[in-house]
């Protein structure tokens, strides 16, 4: 498991990402994270669907809130063959509270706080903060990683247009 210094920045301050970064076109690595009911969920639970993974540092921050609400809105338009997972290090209880307060119900929130399985398997764990980097991934129906957008400055939102363009190429 390698470290990638200066891989992302928080308000221009360099941060190190740790974990294995999967290659585009390769099988997406499985991971285990906790759902808001504390059940263990894995990538394999969504086999056969196109999966958009929205990785955020914390739902309780303005940019993460904007990103999650935007993907919740997009989820309303996508249909049954697409699932959007939002992963953060927030506790499952905090995710449930936040989603309830914000009316976010079209996507699935998963907490990586227990084992950092997702962060390590996707090379998105911020070593200095034990938070997840801001990123968007798309995994096709066959479980292949077909798109990755790592947001270099984590105080900025991802490029949603590029995500939606990449999603169209999967269908």
C-alpha atoms as a PDB file:
ATOM      1  CA  UNK A   1       0.000   0.000   0.000  1.00  0.00           C
ATOM      2  CA  UNK A   2       1.698   3.173  -1.167  1.00  0.00           C
ATOM      3  CA  UNK A   3       1.565   6.772  -0.078  1.00  0.00           C
ATOM      4  CA  UNK A   4       1.130   9.545  -2.630  1.00  0.00           C
ATOM      5  CA  UNK A   5       2.384  12.830  -1.107  1.00  0.00           C
ATOM      6  CA  UNK A   6       0.924  16.068  -2.484  1.00  0.00           C
ATOM      7  CA  UNK A   7      -1.883  14.125  -4.193  1.00  0.00           C
ATOM      8  CA  UNK A   8      -4.586  16.532  -3.018  1.00  0.00           C
ATOM      9  CA  UNK A   9      -4.728  19.884  -1.297  1.00  0.00           C
ATOM     10  CA  UNK A  10      -6.884  21.495   1.352  1.00  0.00           C
ATOM     11  CA  UNK A  11      -6.867  25.245   0.861  1.00  0.00           C
ATOM     12  CA  UNK A  12      -3.520  24.881  -0.949  1.00  0.00           C
ATOM     13  CA  UNK A  13      -1.983  22.768   1.841  1.00  0.00           C
ATOM     14  CA  UNK A  14      -0.615  19.477   0.465  1.00  0.00           C
ATOM     15  CA  UNK A  15      -1.987  16.175   1.746  1.00  0.00           C
ATOM     16  CA  UNK A  16      -0.939  12.565   1.304  1.00  0.00           C
ATOM     17  CA  UNK A  17      -3.250   9.899  -0.060  1.00  0.00           C
ATOM     18  CA  UNK A  18      -2.656   6.373   1.083  1.00  0.00           C
ATOM     19  CA  UNK A  19      -3.943   3.086  -0.244  1.00  0.00           C
ATOM     20  CA  UNK A  20      -3.972   1.279  -3.531  1.00  0.00           C
ATOM     21  CA  UNK A  21      -5.218   3.281  -6.488  1.00  0.00           C
ATOM     22  CA  UNK A  22      -7.094   0.946  -8.877  1.00  0.00           C
ATOM     23  CA  UNK A  23      -6.496   1.392 -12.585  1.00  0.00           C
ATOM     24  CA  UNK A  24      -9.177   2.419 -15.048  1.00  0.00           C
ATOM     25  CA  UNK A  25     -10.417  -0.580 -16.992  1.00  0.00           C
ATOM     26  CA  UNK A  26      -9.584  -2.945 -14.131  1.00  0.00           C
ATOM     27  CA  UNK A  27     -11.993  -4.776 -11.874  1.00  0.00           C
ATOM     28  CA  UNK A  28     -13.124  -2.410  -9.128  1.00  0.00           C
ATOM     29  CA  UNK A  29     -11.909  -3.612  -5.736  1.00  0.00           C
ATOM     30  CA  UNK A  30     -14.525  -4.643  -3.223  1.00  0.00           C
ATOM     31  CA  UNK A  31     -14.793  -2.862   0.116  1.00  0.00           C
ATOM     32  CA  UNK A  32     -16.915  -3.052   3.233  1.00  0.00           C
ATOM     33  CA  UNK A  33     -18.549  -0.012   4.821  1.00  0.00           C
ATOM     34  CA  UNK A  34     -21.440   0.539   7.211  1.00  0.00           C
ATOM     35  CA  UNK A  35     -24.935   1.559   6.177  1.00  0.00           C
ATOM     36  CA  UNK A  36     -26.971   3.906   8.371  1.00  0.00           C
ATOM     37  CA  UNK A  37     -28.600   0.854  10.031  1.00  0.00           C
ATOM     38  CA  UNK A  38     -25.084  -0.428  10.915  1.00  0.00           C
ATOM     39  CA  UNK A  39     -25.305  -3.314   8.455  1.00  0.00           C
ATOM     40  CA  UNK A  40     -22.160  -4.114   6.486  1.00  0.00           C
ATOM     41  CA  UNK A  41     -22.398  -3.249   2.802  1.00  0.00           C
ATOM     42  CA  UNK A  42     -19.964  -4.180   0.070  1.00  0.00           C
ATOM     43  CA  UNK A  43     -19.531  -3.135  -3.528  1.00  0.00           C
ATOM     44  CA  UNK A  44     -20.614  -6.666  -4.412  1.00  0.00           C
ATOM     45  CA  UNK A  45     -24.068  -5.884  -2.940  1.00  0.00           C
ATOM     46  CA  UNK A  46     -24.688  -3.755  -6.040  1.00  0.00           C
ATOM     47  CA  UNK A  47     -23.511  -6.253  -8.669  1.00  0.00           C
ATOM     48  CA  UNK A  48     -25.221  -5.829 -12.038  1.00  0.00           C
ATOM     49  CA  UNK A  49     -25.869  -2.101 -11.580  1.00  0.00           C
ATOM     50  CA  UNK A  50     -23.894   0.899 -12.735  1.00  0.00           C
ATOM     51  CA  UNK A  51     -22.438   2.410  -9.571  1.00  0.00           C
ATOM     52  CA  UNK A  52     -21.495   6.024  -9.065  1.00  0.00           C
ATOM     53  CA  UNK A  53     -19.374   6.490  -5.963  1.00  0.00           C
ATOM     54  CA  UNK A  54     -19.217   9.987  -4.551  1.00  0.00           C
ATOM     55  CA  UNK A  55     -16.428  10.203  -1.973  1.00  0.00           C
ATOM     56  CA  UNK A  56     -16.527  13.162   0.412  1.00  0.00           C
ATOM     57  CA  UNK A  57     -14.556  14.174   3.529  1.00  0.00           C
ATOM     58  CA  UNK A  58     -17.655  14.910   5.678  1.00  0.00           C
ATOM     59  CA  UNK A  59     -21.329  15.488   4.948  1.00  0.00           C
ATOM     60  CA  UNK A  60     -21.351  18.238   7.583  1.00  0.00           C
ATOM     61  CA  UNK A  61     -19.278  20.614   5.452  1.00  0.00           C
ATOM     62  CA  UNK A  62     -20.637  23.022   2.817  1.00  0.00           C
ATOM     63  CA  UNK A  63     -18.945  21.572  -0.283  1.00  0.00           C
ATOM     64  CA  UNK A  64     -19.746  17.969   0.690  1.00  0.00           C
ATOM     65  CA  UNK A  65     -23.340  19.022   1.293  1.00  0.00           C
ATOM     66  CA  UNK A  66     -23.536  20.585  -2.175  1.00  0.00           C
ATOM     67  CA  UNK A  67     -21.991  17.507  -3.798  1.00  0.00           C
ATOM     68  CA  UNK A  68     -24.291  15.062  -2.021  1.00  0.00           C
ATOM     69  CA  UNK A  69     -27.427  17.093  -2.730  1.00  0.00           C
ATOM     70  CA  UNK A  70     -26.424  17.383  -6.397  1.00  0.00           C
ATOM     71  CA  UNK A  71     -25.987  13.611  -6.729  1.00  0.00           C
ATOM     72  CA  UNK A  72     -29.277  13.056  -4.894  1.00  0.00           C
ATOM     73  CA  UNK A  73     -30.953  15.237  -7.561  1.00  0.00           C
ATOM     74  CA  UNK A  74     -29.168  13.348 -10.356  1.00  0.00           C
ATOM     75  CA  UNK A  75     -30.273  10.015  -8.828  1.00  0.00           C
ATOM     76  CA  UNK A  76     -33.914  10.992  -9.373  1.00  0.00           C
ATOM     77  CA  UNK A  77     -33.272  11.042 -13.143  1.00  0.00           C
ATOM     78  CA  UNK A  78     -31.240   7.864 -13.539  1.00  0.00           C
ATOM     79  CA  UNK A  79     -33.520   4.865 -13.120  1.00  0.00           C
ATOM     80  CA  UNK A  80     -33.225   1.485 -11.442  1.00  0.00           C
ATOM     81  CA  UNK A  81     -30.015   0.313 -13.136  1.00  0.00           C
ATOM     82  CA  UNK A  82     -27.886   3.009 -11.494  1.00  0.00           C
ATOM     83  CA  UNK A  83     -27.083   3.365  -7.802  1.00  0.00           C
ATOM     84  CA  UNK A  84     -25.252   6.298  -6.240  1.00  0.00           C
ATOM     85  CA  UNK A  85     -23.192   5.617  -3.143  1.00  0.00           C
ATOM     86  CA  UNK A  86     -21.843   8.472  -1.049  1.00  0.00           C
ATOM     87  CA  UNK A  87     -18.969   7.420   1.177  1.00  0.00           C
ATOM     88  CA  UNK A  88     -17.463   9.420   4.015  1.00  0.00           C
ATOM     89  CA  UNK A  89     -15.823   8.846   7.379  1.00  0.00           C
ATOM     90  CA  UNK A  90     -18.892  10.242   9.147  1.00  0.00           C
ATOM     91  CA  UNK A  91     -20.499   7.872  11.623  1.00  0.00           C
ATOM     92  CA  UNK A  92     -23.577   6.069  10.274  1.00  0.00           C
ATOM     93  CA  UNK A  93     -25.769   7.876  12.831  1.00  0.00           C
ATOM     94  CA  UNK A  94     -24.522  11.258  11.627  1.00  0.00           C
ATOM     95  CA  UNK A  95     -25.147  10.243   8.009  1.00  0.00           C
ATOM     96  CA  UNK A  96     -28.724   9.201   8.832  1.00  0.00           C
ATOM     97  CA  UNK A  97     -29.360  12.422  10.747  1.00  0.00           C
ATOM     98  CA  UNK A  98     -27.888  14.549   7.962  1.00  0.00           C
ATOM     99  CA  UNK A  99     -29.848  12.791   5.199  1.00  0.00           C
ATOM    100  CA  UNK A 100     -33.090  13.113   7.172  1.00  0.00           C
ATOM    101  CA  UNK A 101     -32.542  16.811   7.840  1.00  0.00           C
ATOM    102  CA  UNK A 102     -31.597  17.502   4.200  1.00  0.00           C
ATOM    103  CA  UNK A 103     -34.250  15.309   2.534  1.00  0.00           C
ATOM    104  CA  UNK A 104     -31.593  13.184   0.834  1.00  0.00           C
ATOM    105  CA  UNK A 105     -33.208   9.828   0.090  1.00  0.00           C
ATOM    106  CA  UNK A 106     -32.360   8.896  -3.505  1.00  0.00           C
ATOM    107  CA  UNK A 107     -28.800   7.770  -2.844  1.00  0.00           C
ATOM    108  CA  UNK A 108     -27.113   5.452  -0.351  1.00  0.00           C
ATOM    109  CA  UNK A 109     -24.726   6.803   2.282  1.00  0.00           C
ATOM    110  CA  UNK A 110     -22.039   4.480   3.613  1.00  0.00           C
ATOM    111  CA  UNK A 111     -19.578   5.085   6.420  1.00  0.00           C
ATOM    112  CA  UNK A 112     -15.950   4.051   5.963  1.00  0.00           C
ATOM    113  CA  UNK A 113     -15.031   5.072   9.528  1.00  0.00           C
ATOM    114  CA  UNK A 114     -14.583   1.578  10.976  1.00  0.00           C
ATOM    115  CA  UNK A 115     -11.944   0.001   8.723  1.00  0.00           C
ATOM    116  CA  UNK A 116     -11.238   2.614   6.020  1.00  0.00           C
ATOM    117  CA  UNK A 117     -11.684  -0.300   3.604  1.00  0.00           C
ATOM    118  CA  UNK A 118     -12.965   1.898   0.779  1.00  0.00           C
ATOM    119  CA  UNK A 119     -10.364   4.630   1.322  1.00  0.00           C
ATOM    120  CA  UNK A 120      -7.484   2.160   1.339  1.00  0.00           C
ATOM    121  CA  UNK A 121      -8.743   0.032  -1.562  1.00  0.00           C
ATOM    122  CA  UNK A 122      -9.270   3.088  -3.766  1.00  0.00           C
ATOM    123  CA  UNK A 123      -6.253   5.144  -2.665  1.00  0.00           C
ATOM    124  CA  UNK A 124      -8.478   7.906  -1.302  1.00  0.00           C
ATOM    125  CA  UNK A 125      -7.608   7.883   2.397  1.00  0.00           C
ATOM    126  CA  UNK A 126      -6.056  11.180   3.494  1.00  0.00           C
ATOM    127  CA  UNK A 127      -3.214  10.089   5.733  1.00  0.00           C
ATOM    128  CA  UNK A 128      -2.949  13.271   7.796  1.00  0.00           C
ATOM    129  CA  UNK A 129      -6.681  13.575   8.537  1.00  0.00           C
ATOM    130  CA  UNK A 130      -8.100  10.028   8.260  1.00  0.00           C
ATOM    131  CA  UNK A 131     -10.774  11.449   5.989  1.00  0.00           C
ATOM    132  CA  UNK A 132     -11.652  10.510   2.428  1.00  0.00           C
ATOM    133  CA  UNK A 133     -10.543  12.652  -0.482  1.00  0.00           C
ATOM    134  CA  UNK A 134     -13.174  14.194  -2.724  1.00  0.00           C
ATOM    135  CA  UNK A 135     -13.598  11.967  -5.760  1.00  0.00           C
ATOM    136  CA  UNK A 136     -16.186  10.486  -8.090  1.00  0.00           C
ATOM    137  CA  UNK A 137     -15.899   6.988  -9.535  1.00  0.00           C
ATOM    138  CA  UNK A 138     -18.064   5.069 -11.972  1.00  0.00           C
ATOM    139  CA  UNK A 139     -18.171   1.287 -12.027  1.00  0.00           C
ATOM    140  CA  UNK A 140     -19.999  -0.395 -14.899  1.00  0.00           C
ATOM    141  CA  UNK A 141     -22.471  -3.302 -14.737  1.00  0.00           C
ATOM    142  CA  UNK A 142     -19.573  -5.754 -15.070  1.00  0.00           C
ATOM    143  CA  UNK A 143     -17.736  -4.368 -12.044  1.00  0.00           C
ATOM    144  CA  UNK A 144     -15.058  -2.532 -14.033  1.00  0.00           C
ATOM    145  CA  UNK A 145     -13.784   0.883 -12.975  1.00  0.00           C
ATOM    146  CA  UNK A 146     -14.531   3.064 -16.004  1.00  0.00           C
ATOM    147  CA  UNK A 147     -14.200   6.607 -14.622  1.00  0.00           C
ATOM    148  CA  UNK A 148     -12.269   8.342 -11.858  1.00  0.00           C
ATOM    149  CA  UNK A 149     -12.225  12.027 -11.002  1.00  0.00           C
ATOM    150  CA  UNK A 150     -10.004  12.990  -8.086  1.00  0.00           C
ATOM    151  CA  UNK A 151     -10.662  16.596  -7.074  1.00  0.00           C
ATOM    152  CA  UNK A 152      -7.219  18.091  -6.461  1.00  0.00           C
ATOM    153  CA  UNK A 153      -8.405  20.909  -4.177  1.00  0.00           C
ATOM    154  CA  UNK A 154     -10.856  19.258  -1.792  1.00  0.00           C
ATOM    155  CA  UNK A 155     -12.521  22.569  -0.985  1.00  0.00           C
ATOM    156  CA  UNK A 156     -13.909  22.542  -4.561  1.00  0.00           C
ATOM    157  CA  UNK A 157     -16.754  20.557  -6.080  1.00  0.00           C
ATOM    158  CA  UNK A 158     -16.213  17.886  -8.736  1.00  0.00           C
ATOM    159  CA  UNK A 159     -16.936  18.570 -12.393  1.00  0.00           C
ATOM    160  CA  UNK A 160     -20.471  17.176 -12.529  1.00  0.00           C
ATOM    161  CA  UNK A 161     -20.763  17.601 -16.292  1.00  0.00           C
ATOM    162  CA  UNK A 162     -17.788  15.322 -16.888  1.00  0.00           C
ATOM    163  CA  UNK A 163     -19.284  12.724 -14.537  1.00  0.00           C
ATOM    164  CA  UNK A 164     -22.596  12.738 -16.381  1.00  0.00           C
ATOM    165  CA  UNK A 165     -20.835  12.576 -19.782  1.00  0.00           C
ATOM    166  CA  UNK A 166     -18.856   9.544 -18.588  1.00  0.00           C
ATOM    167  CA  UNK A 167     -22.046   7.943 -17.274  1.00  0.00           C
ATOM    168  CA  UNK A 168     -23.685   8.255 -20.709  1.00  0.00           C
ATOM    169  CA  UNK A 169     -20.815   6.282 -22.250  1.00  0.00           C
ATOM    170  CA  UNK A 170     -21.538   3.345 -19.924  1.00  0.00           C
ATOM    171  CA  UNK A 171     -25.037   2.796 -21.352  1.00  0.00           C
END
